[in-house]
PDB file of N, CA and C in Angstrom:
ATOM      1  N   UNK A   1       0.814  -1.184   0.000  1.00  0.00           N
ATOM      2  CA  UNK A   1       0.000   0.000   0.000  1.00  0.00           C
ATOM      3  C   UNK A   1       0.863   1.255   0.000  1.00  0.00           C
ATOM      4  N   UNK A   2       1.964   1.204   0.713  1.00  0.00           N
ATOM      5  CA  UNK A   2       2.809   2.396   0.802  1.00  0.00           C
ATOM      6  C   UNK A   2       3.357   2.811  -0.555  1.00  0.00           C
ATOM      7  N   UNK A   3       3.759   1.846  -1.380  1.00  0.00           N
ATOM      8  CA  UNK A   3       4.285   2.202  -2.701  1.00  0.00           C
ATOM      9  C   UNK A   3       3.233   2.934  -3.521  1.00  0.00           C
ATOM     10  N   UNK A   4       2.003   2.472  -3.462  1.00  0.00           N
ATOM     11  CA  UNK A   4       0.926   3.109  -4.212  1.00  0.00           C
ATOM     12  C   UNK A   4       0.632   4.492  -3.642  1.00  0.00           C
ATOM     13  N   UNK A   5       0.569   4.605  -2.319  1.00  0.00           N
ATOM     14  CA  UNK A   5       0.336   5.912  -1.693  1.00  0.00           C
ATOM     15  C   UNK A   5       1.430   6.905  -2.059  1.00  0.00           C
ATOM     16  N   UNK A   6       2.680   6.474  -1.982  1.00  0.00           N
ATOM     17  CA  UNK A   6       3.802   7.371  -2.307  1.00  0.00           C
ATOM     18  C   UNK A   6       3.770   7.779  -3.777  1.00  0.00           C
ATOM     19  N   UNK A   7       3.489   6.830  -4.645  1.00  0.00           N
ATOM     20  CA  UNK A   7       3.435   7.137  -6.077  1.00  0.00           C
ATOM     21  C   UNK A   7       2.305   8.110  -6.371  1.00  0.00           C
ATOM     22  N   UNK A   8       1.149   7.863  -5.808  1.00  0.00           N
ATOM     23  CA  UNK A   8       0.001   8.754  -6.009  1.00  0.00           C
ATOM     24  C   UNK A   8       0.312  10.164  -5.535  1.00  0.00           C
ATOM     25  N   UNK A   9       0.924  10.277  -4.373  1.00  0.00           N
ATOM     26  CA  UNK A   9       1.270  11.586  -3.810  1.00  0.00           C
ATOM     27  C   UNK A   9       2.307  12.293  -4.683  1.00  0.00           C
ATOM     28  N   UNK A  10       3.326  11.565  -5.130  1.00  0.00           N
ATOM     29  CA  UNK A  10       4.357  12.153  -5.984  1.00  0.00           C
ATOM     30  C   UNK A  10       3.768  12.664  -7.301  1.00  0.00           C
ATOM     31  N   UNK A  11       2.921  11.862  -7.918  1.00  0.00           N
ATOM     32  CA  UNK A  11       2.289  12.293  -9.161  1.00  0.00           C
ATOM     33  C   UNK A  11       1.413  13.522  -8.943  1.00  0.00           C
ATOM     34  N   UNK A  12       0.668  13.541  -7.850  1.00  0.00           N
ATOM     35  CA  UNK A  12      -0.188  14.696  -7.547  1.00  0.00           C
ATOM     36  C   UNK A  12       0.661  15.952  -7.332  1.00  0.00           C
ATOM     37  N   UNK A  13       1.777  15.816  -6.638  1.00  0.00           N
ATOM     38  CA  UNK A  13       2.669  16.968  -6.422  1.00  0.00           C
ATOM     39  C   UNK A  13       3.203  17.521  -7.736  1.00  0.00           C
ATOM     40  N   UNK A  14       3.340  16.654  -8.731  1.00  0.00           N
ATOM     41  CA  UNK A  14       3.833  17.068 -10.045  1.00  0.00           C
ATOM     42  C   UNK A  14       2.695  17.475 -10.985  1.00  0.00           C
ATOM     43  N   UNK A  15       1.469  17.437 -10.474  1.00  0.00           N
ATOM     44  CA  UNK A  15       0.322  17.813 -11.288  1.00  0.00           C
ATOM     45  C   UNK A  15      -0.060  16.782 -12.332  1.00  0.00           C
ATOM     46  N   UNK A  16       0.330  15.548 -12.107  1.00  0.00           N
ATOM     47  CA  UNK A  16       0.046  14.471 -13.064  1.00  0.00           C
ATOM     48  C   UNK A  16      -1.149  13.667 -12.560  1.00  0.00           C
ATOM     49  N   UNK A  17      -2.146  13.530 -13.413  1.00  0.00           N
ATOM     50  CA  UNK A  17      -3.324  12.729 -13.103  1.00  0.00           C
ATOM     51  C   UNK A  17      -3.356  11.555 -14.072  1.00  0.00           C
ATOM     52  N   UNK A  18      -2.913  10.394 -13.628  1.00  0.00           N
ATOM     53  CA  UNK A  18      -2.857   9.258 -14.552  1.00  0.00           C
ATOM     54  C   UNK A  18      -4.239   8.699 -14.877  1.00  0.00           C
ATOM     55  N   UNK A  19      -4.363   8.183 -16.080  1.00  0.00           N
ATOM     56  CA  UNK A  19      -5.581   7.465 -16.489  1.00  0.00           C
ATOM     57  C   UNK A  19      -5.347   5.963 -16.384  1.00  0.00           C
ATOM     58  N   UNK A  20      -4.079   5.559 -16.531  1.00  0.00           N
ATOM     59  CA  UNK A  20      -3.718   4.144 -16.457  1.00  0.00           C
ATOM     60  C   UNK A  20      -2.463   4.001 -15.603  1.00  0.00           C
ATOM     61  N   UNK A  21      -2.287   2.822 -15.054  1.00  0.00           N
ATOM     62  CA  UNK A  21      -1.078   2.516 -14.283  1.00  0.00           C
ATOM     63  C   UNK A  21      -0.721   1.047 -14.493  1.00  0.00           C
ATOM     64  N   UNK A  22       0.558   0.788 -14.576  1.00  0.00           N
ATOM     65  CA  UNK A  22       1.072  -0.567 -14.713  1.00  0.00           C
ATOM     66  C   UNK A  22       1.830  -0.918 -13.441  1.00  0.00           C
ATOM     67  N   UNK A  23       1.446  -2.001 -12.815  1.00  0.00           N
ATOM     68  CA  UNK A  23       2.116  -2.483 -11.614  1.00  0.00           C
ATOM     69  C   UNK A  23       2.809  -3.787 -11.972  1.00  0.00           C
ATOM     70  N   UNK A  24       4.090  -3.856 -11.668  1.00  0.00           N
ATOM     71  CA  UNK A  24       4.860  -5.076 -11.893  1.00  0.00           C
ATOM     72  C   UNK A  24       5.302  -5.576 -10.521  1.00  0.00           C
ATOM     73  N   UNK A  25       4.939  -6.807 -10.221  1.00  0.00           N
ATOM     74  CA  UNK A  25       5.245  -7.340  -8.891  1.00  0.00           C
ATOM     75  C   UNK A  25       5.460  -8.842  -8.974  1.00  0.00           C
ATOM     76  N   UNK A  26       5.753  -9.433  -7.834  1.00  0.00           N
ATOM     77  CA  UNK A  26       5.927 -10.877  -7.770  1.00  0.00           C
ATOM     78  C   UNK A  26       4.606 -11.551  -8.148  1.00  0.00           C
ATOM     79  N   UNK A  27       4.688 -12.717  -8.770  1.00  0.00           N
ATOM     80  CA  UNK A  27       3.459 -13.370  -9.236  1.00  0.00           C
ATOM     81  C   UNK A  27       2.401 -13.543  -8.144  1.00  0.00           C
ATOM     82  N   UNK A  28       2.817 -13.942  -6.946  1.00  0.00           N
ATOM     83  CA  UNK A  28       1.851 -14.197  -5.888  1.00  0.00           C
ATOM     84  C   UNK A  28       1.300 -12.925  -5.256  1.00  0.00           C
ATOM     85  N   UNK A  29       1.834 -11.764  -5.613  1.00  0.00           N
ATOM     86  CA  UNK A  29       1.351 -10.501  -5.058  1.00  0.00           C
ATOM     87  C   UNK A  29       0.415  -9.754  -6.013  1.00  0.00           C
ATOM     88  N   UNK A  30       0.190 -10.301  -7.189  1.00  0.00           N
ATOM     89  CA  UNK A  30      -0.589  -9.581  -8.194  1.00  0.00           C
ATOM     90  C   UNK A  30      -2.022  -9.293  -7.750  1.00  0.00           C
ATOM     91  N   UNK A  31      -2.676 -10.266  -7.183  1.00  0.00           N
ATOM     92  CA  UNK A  31      -4.084 -10.069  -6.796  1.00  0.00           C
ATOM     93  C   UNK A  31      -4.217  -8.970  -5.749  1.00  0.00           C
ATOM     94  N   UNK A  32      -3.356  -8.990  -4.745  1.00  0.00           N
ATOM     95  CA  UNK A  32      -3.444  -7.977  -3.692  1.00  0.00           C
ATOM     96  C   UNK A  32      -3.036  -6.610  -4.223  1.00  0.00           C
ATOM     97  N   UNK A  33      -1.992  -6.555  -5.051  1.00  0.00           N
ATOM     98  CA  UNK A  33      -1.565  -5.283  -5.630  1.00  0.00           C
ATOM     99  C   UNK A  33      -2.685  -4.677  -6.475  1.00  0.00           C
ATOM    100  N   UNK A  34      -3.343  -5.503  -7.277  1.00  0.00           N
ATOM    101  CA  UNK A  34      -4.465  -5.041  -8.101  1.00  0.00           C
ATOM    102  C   UNK A  34      -5.594  -4.514  -7.219  1.00  0.00           C
ATOM    103  N   UNK A  35      -5.927  -5.249  -6.162  1.00  0.00           N
ATOM    104  CA  UNK A  35      -7.018  -4.844  -5.275  1.00  0.00           C
ATOM    105  C   UNK A  35      -6.694  -3.546  -4.536  1.00  0.00           C
ATOM    106  N   UNK A  36      -5.462  -3.419  -4.077  1.00  0.00           N
ATOM    107  CA  UNK A  36      -5.060  -2.193  -3.380  1.00  0.00           C
ATOM    108  C   UNK A  36      -5.116  -1.000  -4.331  1.00  0.00           C
ATOM    109  N   UNK A  37      -4.518  -1.163  -5.505  1.00  0.00           N
ATOM    110  CA  UNK A  37      -4.479  -0.061  -6.469  1.00  0.00           C
ATOM    111  C   UNK A  37      -5.891   0.341  -6.894  1.00  0.00           C
ATOM    112  N   UNK A  38      -6.757  -0.632  -7.146  1.00  0.00           N
ATOM    113  CA  UNK A  38      -8.127  -0.325  -7.547  1.00  0.00           C
ATOM    114  C   UNK A  38      -8.867   0.417  -6.439  1.00  0.00           C
ATOM    115  N   UNK A  39      -8.593   0.066  -5.197  1.00  0.00           N
ATOM    116  CA  UNK A  39      -9.239   0.738  -4.059  1.00  0.00           C
ATOM    117  C   UNK A  39      -8.708   2.152  -3.879  1.00  0.00           C
ATOM    118  N   UNK A  40      -7.398   2.312  -3.997  1.00  0.00           N
ATOM    119  CA  UNK A  40      -6.767   3.608  -3.768  1.00  0.00           C
ATOM    120  C   UNK A  40      -6.917   4.564  -4.950  1.00  0.00           C
ATOM    121  N   UNK A  41      -7.019   4.009  -6.161  1.00  0.00           N
ATOM    122  CA  UNK A  41      -7.117   4.796  -7.395  1.00  0.00           C
ATOM    123  C   UNK A  41      -8.319   4.319  -8.203  1.00  0.00           C
ATOM    124  N   UNK A  42      -9.524   4.532  -7.721  1.00  0.00           N
ATOM    125  CA  UNK A  42     -10.691   3.983  -8.415  1.00  0.00           C
ATOM    126  C   UNK A  42     -10.904   4.525  -9.833  1.00  0.00           C
ATOM    127  N   UNK A  43     -10.372   5.696 -10.135  1.00  0.00           N
ATOM    128  CA  UNK A  43     -10.561   6.288 -11.461  1.00  0.00           C
ATOM    129  C   UNK A  43      -9.436   5.959 -12.433  1.00  0.00           C
ATOM    130  N   UNK A  44      -8.495   5.128 -12.004  1.00  0.00           N
ATOM    131  CA  UNK A  44      -7.350   4.769 -12.843  1.00  0.00           C
ATOM    132  C   UNK A  44      -7.504   3.321 -13.304  1.00  0.00           C
ATOM    133  N   UNK A  45      -7.278   3.095 -14.582  1.00  0.00           N
ATOM    134  CA  UNK A  45      -7.303   1.740 -15.123  1.00  0.00           C
ATOM    135  C   UNK A  45      -5.988   1.067 -14.755  1.00  0.00           C
ATOM    136  N   UNK A  46      -6.053   0.039 -13.939  1.00  0.00           N
ATOM    137  CA  UNK A  46      -4.866  -0.630 -13.398  1.00  0.00           C
ATOM    138  C   UNK A  46      -4.605  -1.933 -14.154  1.00  0.00           C
ATOM    139  N   UNK A  47      -3.371  -2.118 -14.574  1.00  0.00           N
ATOM    140  CA  UNK A  47      -2.920  -3.388 -15.136  1.00  0.00           C
ATOM    141  C   UNK A  47      -1.806  -3.891 -14.231  1.00  0.00           C
ATOM    142  N   UNK A  48      -1.946  -5.115 -13.778  1.00  0.00           N
ATOM    143  CA  UNK A  48      -0.960  -5.697 -12.872  1.00  0.00           C
ATOM    144  C   UNK A  48      -0.378  -6.935 -13.544  1.00  0.00           C
ATOM    145  N   UNK A  49       0.943  -7.026 -13.541  1.00  0.00           N
ATOM    146  CA  UNK A  49       1.594  -8.159 -14.184  1.00  0.00           C
ATOM    147  C   UNK A  49       2.844  -8.561 -13.411  1.00  0.00           C
ATOM    148  N   UNK A  50       3.318  -9.720 -13.722  1.00  0.00           N
ATOM    149  CA  UNK A  50       4.543 -10.232 -13.126  1.00  0.00           C
ATOM    150  C   UNK A  50       5.059 -11.340 -14.018  1.00  0.00           C
ATOM    151  N   UNK A  51       6.075 -11.995 -13.567  1.00  0.00           N
ATOM    152  CA  UNK A  51       6.648 -13.098 -14.323  1.00  0.00           C
ATOM    153  C   UNK A  51       5.599 -14.195 -14.514  1.00  0.00           C
ATOM    154  N   UNK A  52       5.491 -14.751 -15.714  1.00  0.00           N
ATOM    155  CA  UNK A  52       4.495 -15.796 -15.954  1.00  0.00           C
ATOM    156  C   UNK A  52       4.922 -17.191 -15.492  1.00  0.00           C
ATOM    157  N   UNK A  53       5.966 -17.266 -14.697  1.00  0.00           N
ATOM    158  CA  UNK A  53       6.488 -18.561 -14.257  1.00  0.00           C
ATOM    159  C   UNK A  53       5.481 -19.333 -13.411  1.00  0.00           C
ATOM    160  N   UNK A  54       5.491 -20.654 -13.543  1.00  0.00           N
ATOM    161  CA  UNK A  54       4.719 -21.479 -12.628  1.00  0.00           C
ATOM    162  C   UNK A  54       5.491 -21.557 -11.305  1.00  0.00           C
ATOM    163  N   UNK A  55       4.867 -22.130 -10.291  1.00  0.00           N
ATOM    164  CA  UNK A  55       5.467 -22.144  -8.956  1.00  0.00           C
ATOM    165  C   UNK A  55       6.810 -22.869  -8.936  1.00  0.00           C
ATOM    166  N   UNK A  56       6.914 -24.007  -9.611  1.00  0.00           N
ATOM    167  CA  UNK A  56       8.179 -24.748  -9.615  1.00  0.00           C
ATOM    168  C   UNK A  56       9.317 -23.920 -10.208  1.00  0.00           C
ATOM    169  N   UNK A  57       9.040 -23.237 -11.303  1.00  0.00           N
ATOM    170  CA  UNK A  57      10.056 -22.395 -11.942  1.00  0.00           C
ATOM    171  C   UNK A  57      10.426 -21.230 -11.038  1.00  0.00           C
ATOM    172  N   UNK A  58       9.409 -20.622 -10.427  1.00  0.00           N
ATOM    173  CA  UNK A  58       9.654 -19.498  -9.513  1.00  0.00           C
ATOM    174  C   UNK A  58      10.510 -19.943  -8.326  1.00  0.00           C
ATOM    175  N   UNK A  59      10.174 -21.084  -7.746  1.00  0.00           N
ATOM    176  CA  UNK A  59      10.954 -21.603  -6.615  1.00  0.00           C
ATOM    177  C   UNK A  59      12.393 -21.896  -7.021  1.00  0.00           C
ATOM    178  N   UNK A  60      12.578 -22.474  -8.197  1.00  0.00           N
ATOM    179  CA  UNK A  60      13.932 -22.764  -8.677  1.00  0.00           C
ATOM    180  C   UNK A  60      14.722 -21.471  -8.860  1.00  0.00           C
ATOM    181  N   UNK A  61      14.065 -20.438  -9.327  1.00  0.00           N
ATOM    182  CA  UNK A  61      14.727 -19.147  -9.539  1.00  0.00           C
ATOM    183  C   UNK A  61      15.106 -18.485  -8.203  1.00  0.00           C
ATOM    184  N   UNK A  62      14.191 -18.499  -7.252  1.00  0.00           N
ATOM    185  CA  UNK A  62      14.437 -17.873  -5.947  1.00  0.00           C
ATOM    186  C   UNK A  62      15.419 -18.710  -5.132  1.00  0.00           C
ATOM    187  N   UNK A  63      15.250 -20.021  -5.159  1.00  0.00           N
ATOM    188  CA  UNK A  63      16.165 -20.905  -4.458  1.00  0.00           C
ATOM    189  C   UNK A  63      15.938 -21.020  -2.963  1.00  0.00           C
ATOM    190  N   UNK A  64      14.855 -20.448  -2.467  1.00  0.00           N
ATOM    191  CA  UNK A  64      14.552 -20.504  -1.035  1.00  0.00           C
ATOM    192  C   UNK A  64      13.075 -20.868  -0.846  1.00  0.00           C
ATOM    193  N   UNK A  65      12.722 -22.143  -0.992  1.00  0.00           N
ATOM    194  CA  UNK A  65      11.307 -22.514  -0.910  1.00  0.00           C
ATOM    195  C   UNK A  65      10.648 -22.168   0.420  1.00  0.00           C
ATOM    196  N   UNK A  66      11.377 -22.244   1.530  1.00  0.00           N
ATOM    197  CA  UNK A  66      10.777 -21.889   2.823  1.00  0.00           C
ATOM    198  C   UNK A  66      10.415 -20.407   2.864  1.00  0.00           C
ATOM    199  N   UNK A  67      11.298 -19.578   2.340  1.00  0.00           N
ATOM    200  CA  UNK A  67      11.024 -18.136   2.297  1.00  0.00           C
ATOM    201  C   UNK A  67       9.802 -17.843   1.421  1.00  0.00           C
ATOM    202  N   UNK A  68       9.731 -18.486   0.274  1.00  0.00           N
ATOM    203  CA  UNK A  68       8.596 -18.276  -0.629  1.00  0.00           C
ATOM    204  C   UNK A  68       7.306 -18.742   0.038  1.00  0.00           C
ATOM    205  N   UNK A  69       7.330 -19.886   0.711  1.00  0.00           N
ATOM    206  CA  UNK A  69       6.131 -20.380   1.397  1.00  0.00           C
ATOM    207  C   UNK A  69       5.677 -19.386   2.455  1.00  0.00           C
ATOM    208  N   UNK A  70       6.615 -18.842   3.223  1.00  0.00           N
ATOM    209  CA  UNK A  70       6.258 -17.844   4.236  1.00  0.00           C
ATOM    210  C   UNK A  70       5.685 -16.582   3.603  1.00  0.00           C
ATOM    211  N   UNK A  71       6.242 -16.182   2.461  1.00  0.00           N
ATOM    212  CA  UNK A  71       5.743 -14.985   1.786  1.00  0.00           C
ATOM    213  C   UNK A  71       4.342 -15.233   1.230  1.00  0.00           C
ATOM    214  N   UNK A  72       4.098 -16.422   0.694  1.00  0.00           N
ATOM    215  CA  UNK A  72       2.755 -16.758   0.207  1.00  0.00           C
ATOM    216  C   UNK A  72       1.735 -16.729   1.343  1.00  0.00           C
ATOM    217  N   UNK A  73       2.107 -17.276   2.480  1.00  0.00           N
ATOM    218  CA  UNK A  73       1.221 -17.279   3.645  1.00  0.00           C
ATOM    219  C   UNK A  73       0.924 -15.839   4.075  1.00  0.00           C
ATOM    220  N   UNK A  74       1.963 -15.024   4.193  1.00  0.00           N
ATOM    221  CA  UNK A  74       1.772 -13.639   4.615  1.00  0.00           C
ATOM    222  C   UNK A  74       0.922 -12.837   3.643  1.00  0.00           C
ATOM    223  N   UNK A  75       1.142 -13.032   2.358  1.00  0.00           N
ATOM    224  CA  UNK A  75       0.374 -12.286   1.372  1.00  0.00           C
ATOM    225  C   UNK A  75      -1.087 -12.737   1.356  1.00  0.00           C
ATOM    226  N   UNK A  76      -1.326 -14.029   1.526  1.00  0.00           N
ATOM    227  CA  UNK A  76      -2.700 -14.534   1.583  1.00  0.00           C
ATOM    228  C   UNK A  76      -3.412 -13.976   2.807  1.00  0.00           C
ATOM    229  N   UNK A  77      -2.715 -13.933   3.935  1.00  0.00           N
ATOM    230  CA  UNK A  77      -3.303 -13.374   5.152  1.00  0.00           C
ATOM    231  C   UNK A  77      -3.663 -11.898   4.937  1.00  0.00           C
ATOM    232  N   UNK A  78      -2.761 -11.130   4.341  1.00  0.00           N
ATOM    233  CA  UNK A  78      -3.018  -9.713   4.117  1.00  0.00           C
ATOM    234  C   UNK A  78      -4.191  -9.491   3.168  1.00  0.00           C
ATOM    235  N   UNK A  79      -4.276 -10.314   2.131  1.00  0.00           N
ATOM    236  CA  UNK A  79      -5.383 -10.219   1.190  1.00  0.00           C
ATOM    237  C   UNK A  79      -6.708 -10.404   1.928  1.00  0.00           C
ATOM    238  N   UNK A  80      -6.766 -11.400   2.789  1.00  0.00           N
ATOM    239  CA  UNK A  80      -7.973 -11.676   3.566  1.00  0.00           C
ATOM    240  C   UNK A  80      -8.265 -10.552   4.561  1.00  0.00           C
ATOM    241  N   UNK A  81      -7.265 -10.174   5.357  1.00  0.00           N
ATOM    242  CA  UNK A  81      -7.477  -9.154   6.384  1.00  0.00           C
ATOM    243  C   UNK A  81      -7.819  -7.793   5.787  1.00  0.00           C
ATOM    244  N   UNK A  82      -7.120  -7.401   4.734  1.00  0.00           N
ATOM    245  CA  UNK A  82      -7.394  -6.102   4.129  1.00  0.00           C
ATOM    246  C   UNK A  82      -8.774  -6.084   3.478  1.00  0.00           C
ATOM    247  N   UNK A  83      -9.199  -7.206   2.931  1.00  0.00           N
ATOM    248  CA  UNK A  83     -10.541  -7.279   2.370  1.00  0.00           C
ATOM    249  C   UNK A  83     -11.608  -7.164   3.445  1.00  0.00           C
ATOM    250  N   UNK A  84     -11.375  -7.778   4.586  1.00  0.00           N
ATOM    251  CA  UNK A  84     -12.357  -7.706   5.682  1.00  0.00           C
ATOM    252  C   UNK A  84     -12.356  -6.354   6.382  1.00  0.00           C
ATOM    253  N   UNK A  85     -11.212  -5.658   6.384  1.00  0.00           N
ATOM    254  CA  UNK A  85     -11.138  -4.367   7.085  1.00  0.00           C
ATOM    255  C   UNK A  85     -11.635  -3.199   6.233  1.00  0.00           C
ATOM    256  N   UNK A  86     -11.829  -3.441   4.935  1.00  0.00           N
ATOM    257  CA  UNK A  86     -12.269  -2.366   4.055  1.00  0.00           C
ATOM    258  C   UNK A  86     -11.132  -1.615   3.387  1.00  0.00           C
ATOM    259  N   UNK A  87      -9.891  -2.033   3.641  1.00  0.00           N
ATOM    260  CA  UNK A  87      -8.751  -1.384   2.983  1.00  0.00           C
ATOM    261  C   UNK A  87      -8.763  -1.649   1.490  1.00  0.00           C
ATOM    262  N   UNK A  88      -9.318  -2.785   1.108  1.00  0.00           N
ATOM    263  CA  UNK A  88      -9.512  -3.160  -0.294  1.00  0.00           C
ATOM    264  C   UNK A  88     -10.899  -3.786  -0.389  1.00  0.00           C
ATOM    265  N   UNK A  89     -11.367  -4.016  -1.591  1.00  0.00           N
ATOM    266  CA  UNK A  89     -12.650  -4.695  -1.759  1.00  0.00           C
ATOM    267  C   UNK A  89     -12.574  -6.070  -1.101  1.00  0.00           C
ATOM    268  N   UNK A  90     -13.680  -6.531  -0.526  1.00  0.00           N
ATOM    269  CA  UNK A  90     -13.679  -7.868   0.073  1.00  0.00           C
ATOM    270  C   UNK A  90     -13.199  -8.914  -0.930  1.00  0.00           C
ATOM    271  N   UNK A  91     -12.407  -9.843  -0.446  1.00  0.00           N
ATOM    272  CA  UNK A  91     -11.813 -10.864  -1.301  1.00  0.00           C
ATOM    273  C   UNK A  91     -12.371 -12.234  -0.939  1.00  0.00           C
ATOM    274  N   UNK A  92     -12.695 -12.997  -1.955  1.00  0.00           N
ATOM    275  CA  UNK A  92     -13.133 -14.369  -1.749  1.00  0.00           C
ATOM    276  C   UNK A  92     -11.891 -15.265  -1.807  1.00  0.00           C
ATOM    277  N   UNK A  93     -11.542 -15.846  -0.685  1.00  0.00           N
ATOM    278  CA  UNK A  93     -10.417 -16.778  -0.628  1.00  0.00           C
ATOM    279  C   UNK A  93     -11.023 -18.181  -0.741  1.00  0.00           C
ATOM    280  N   UNK A  94     -10.703 -18.904  -1.814  1.00  0.00           N
ATOM    281  CA  UNK A  94     -11.267 -20.258  -1.960  1.00  0.00           C
ATOM    282  C   UNK A  94     -10.939 -21.130  -0.745  1.00  0.00           C
ATOM    283  N   UNK A  95     -11.858 -22.020  -0.408  1.00  0.00           N
ATOM    284  CA  UNK A  95     -11.700 -22.872   0.772  1.00  0.00           C
ATOM    285  C   UNK A  95     -10.418 -23.691   0.715  1.00  0.00           C
ATOM    286  N   UNK A  96     -10.060 -24.195  -0.464  1.00  0.00           N
ATOM    287  CA  UNK A  96      -8.847 -25.005  -0.548  1.00  0.00           C
ATOM    288  C   UNK A  96      -7.595 -24.158  -0.345  1.00  0.00           C
ATOM    289  N   UNK A  97      -7.630 -22.900  -0.779  1.00  0.00           N
ATOM    290  CA  UNK A  97      -6.496 -22.002  -0.560  1.00  0.00           C
ATOM    291  C   UNK A  97      -6.387 -21.662   0.924  1.00  0.00           C
ATOM    292  N   UNK A  98      -7.531 -21.378   1.556  1.00  0.00           N
ATOM    293  CA  UNK A  98      -7.528 -21.088   2.992  1.00  0.00           C
ATOM    294  C   UNK A  98      -7.001 -22.290   3.781  1.00  0.00           C
ATOM    295  N   UNK A  99      -7.454 -23.497   3.422  1.00  0.00           N
ATOM    296  CA  UNK A  99      -7.002 -24.706   4.121  1.00  0.00           C
ATOM    297  C   UNK A  99      -5.506 -24.921   3.923  1.00  0.00           C
ATOM    298  N   UNK A 100      -5.007 -24.711   2.711  1.00  0.00           N
ATOM    299  CA  UNK A 100      -3.570 -24.866   2.447  1.00  0.00           C
ATOM    300  C   UNK A 100      -2.769 -23.850   3.254  1.00  0.00           C
ATOM    301  N   UNK A 101      -3.276 -22.628   3.323  1.00  0.00           N
ATOM    302  CA  UNK A 101      -2.593 -21.583   4.100  1.00  0.00           C
ATOM    303  C   UNK A 101      -2.525 -21.980   5.580  1.00  0.00           C
ATOM    304  N   UNK A 102      -3.619 -22.498   6.103  1.00  0.00           N
ATOM    305  CA  UNK A 102      -3.641 -22.928   7.501  1.00  0.00           C
ATOM    306  C   UNK A 102      -2.664 -24.075   7.747  1.00  0.00           C
ATOM    307  N   UNK A 103      -2.544 -24.998   6.793  1.00  0.00           N
ATOM    308  CA  UNK A 103      -1.575 -26.094   6.942  1.00  0.00           C
ATOM    309  C   UNK A 103      -0.145 -25.552   6.961  1.00  0.00           C
ATOM    310  N   UNK A 104       0.130 -24.566   6.109  1.00  0.00           N
ATOM    311  CA  UNK A 104       1.468 -23.967   6.089  1.00  0.00           C
ATOM    312  C   UNK A 104       1.760 -23.236   7.404  1.00  0.00           C
ATOM    313  N   UNK A 105       0.761 -22.555   7.940  1.00  0.00           N
ATOM    314  CA  UNK A 105       0.943 -21.871   9.233  1.00  0.00           C
ATOM    315  C   UNK A 105       1.253 -22.896  10.320  1.00  0.00           C
ATOM    316  N   UNK A 106       0.487 -23.972  10.368  1.00  0.00           N
ATOM    317  CA  UNK A 106       0.721 -25.027  11.372  1.00  0.00           C
ATOM    318  C   UNK A 106       2.085 -25.677  11.203  1.00  0.00           C
ATOM    319  N   UNK A 107       2.592 -25.683   9.959  1.00  0.00           N
ATOM    320  CA  UNK A 107       3.918 -26.257   9.688  1.00  0.00           C
ATOM    321  C   UNK A 107       5.044 -25.280  10.012  1.00  0.00           C
ATOM    322  N   UNK A 108       4.690 -24.055  10.444  1.00  0.00           N
ATOM    323  CA  UNK A 108       5.705 -23.110  10.893  1.00  0.00           C
ATOM    324  C   UNK A 108       6.067 -21.990   9.924  1.00  0.00           C
ATOM    325  N   UNK A 109       5.350 -21.868   8.825  1.00  0.00           N
ATOM    326  CA  UNK A 109       5.650 -20.802   7.851  1.00  0.00           C
ATOM    327  C   UNK A 109       4.937 -19.516   8.271  1.00  0.00           C
ATOM    328  N   UNK A 110       5.460 -18.904   9.322  1.00  0.00           N
ATOM    329  CA  UNK A 110       4.768 -17.778   9.953  1.00  0.00           C
ATOM    330  C   UNK A 110       5.579 -16.479   9.986  1.00  0.00           C
ATOM    331  N   UNK A 111       6.755 -16.483   9.395  1.00  0.00           N
ATOM    332  CA  UNK A 111       7.624 -15.302   9.532  1.00  0.00           C
ATOM    333  C   UNK A 111       7.067 -14.053   8.865  1.00  0.00           C
ATOM    334  N   UNK A 112       6.123 -14.191   7.953  1.00  0.00           N
ATOM    335  CA  UNK A 112       5.552 -13.029   7.261  1.00  0.00           C
ATOM    336  C   UNK A 112       4.128 -12.706   7.709  1.00  0.00           C
ATOM    337  N   UNK A 113       3.656 -13.375   8.771  1.00  0.00           N
ATOM    338  CA  UNK A 113       2.327 -13.070   9.278  1.00  0.00           C
ATOM    339  C   UNK A 113       2.351 -11.743  10.021  1.00  0.00           C
ATOM    340  N   UNK A 114       1.222 -11.066  10.008  1.00  0.00           N
ATOM    341  CA  UNK A 114       1.087  -9.823  10.761  1.00  0.00           C
ATOM    342  C   UNK A 114       0.030 -10.032  11.842  1.00  0.00           C
ATOM    343  N   UNK A 115       0.056  -9.191  12.857  1.00  0.00           N
ATOM    344  CA  UNK A 115      -0.960  -9.239  13.894  1.00  0.00           C
ATOM    345  C   UNK A 115      -2.162  -8.445  13.394  1.00  0.00           C
ATOM    346  N   UNK A 116      -3.312  -9.103  13.275  1.00  0.00           N
ATOM    347  CA  UNK A 116      -4.494  -8.381  12.781  1.00  0.00           C
ATOM    348  C   UNK A 116      -4.893  -7.243  13.713  1.00  0.00           C
ATOM    349  N   UNK A 117      -5.304  -6.127  13.115  1.00  0.00           N
ATOM    350  CA  UNK A 117      -5.851  -5.026  13.891  1.00  0.00           C
ATOM    351  C   UNK A 117      -7.244  -5.443  14.358  1.00  0.00           C
ATOM    352  N   UNK A 118      -7.707  -4.912  15.490  1.00  0.00           N
ATOM    353  CA  UNK A 118      -9.030  -5.293  15.971  1.00  0.00           C
ATOM    354  C   UNK A 118     -10.153  -5.041  14.947  1.00  0.00           C
ATOM    355  N   UNK A 119     -10.038  -4.006  14.128  1.00  0.00           N
ATOM    356  CA  UNK A 119     -11.088  -3.697  13.174  1.00  0.00           C
ATOM    357  C   UNK A 119     -11.042  -4.548  11.914  1.00  0.00           C
ATOM    358  N   UNK A 120     -10.057  -5.444  11.776  1.00  0.00           N
ATOM    359  CA  UNK A 120      -9.942  -6.259  10.561  1.00  0.00           C
ATOM    360  C   UNK A 120     -10.813  -7.511  10.637  1.00  0.00           C
ATOM    361  N   UNK A 121     -11.498  -7.716  11.735  1.00  0.00           N
ATOM    362  CA  UNK A 121     -12.295  -8.926  11.903  1.00  0.00           C
ATOM    363  C   UNK A 121     -13.753  -8.729  11.488  1.00  0.00           C
ATOM    364  N   UNK A 122     -14.069  -7.656  10.802  1.00  0.00           N
ATOM    365  CA  UNK A 122     -15.446  -7.366  10.412  1.00  0.00           C
ATOM    366  C   UNK A 122     -16.064  -8.480   9.634  1.00  0.00           C
TER     367      UNK A 122
END
């Protein structure tokens, strides 16, 4: 969210009102980045993209599967919490994705989890 807020503020200071924006991010962050940008910039047409790699290719490239698993867990948690708190549009997390995330948390992939704010439980 901070990157989008800073970019929006910088463009406004320069008198630039974008009609479109391109966000390039990690593959697993695309959905949340799109949702945040759409919420923060409702009048801007947002395109979000990243590497088209499948998970196996991405893991081979990063070389740290535990780190990637923790990042996936953290990003999924943020997508859910931000959708429930109103920071972004509510997000439907499929039951199998939620169950997989919970299994990863129980297995110890928790380094990227955040403490939910009291108002995020709506």
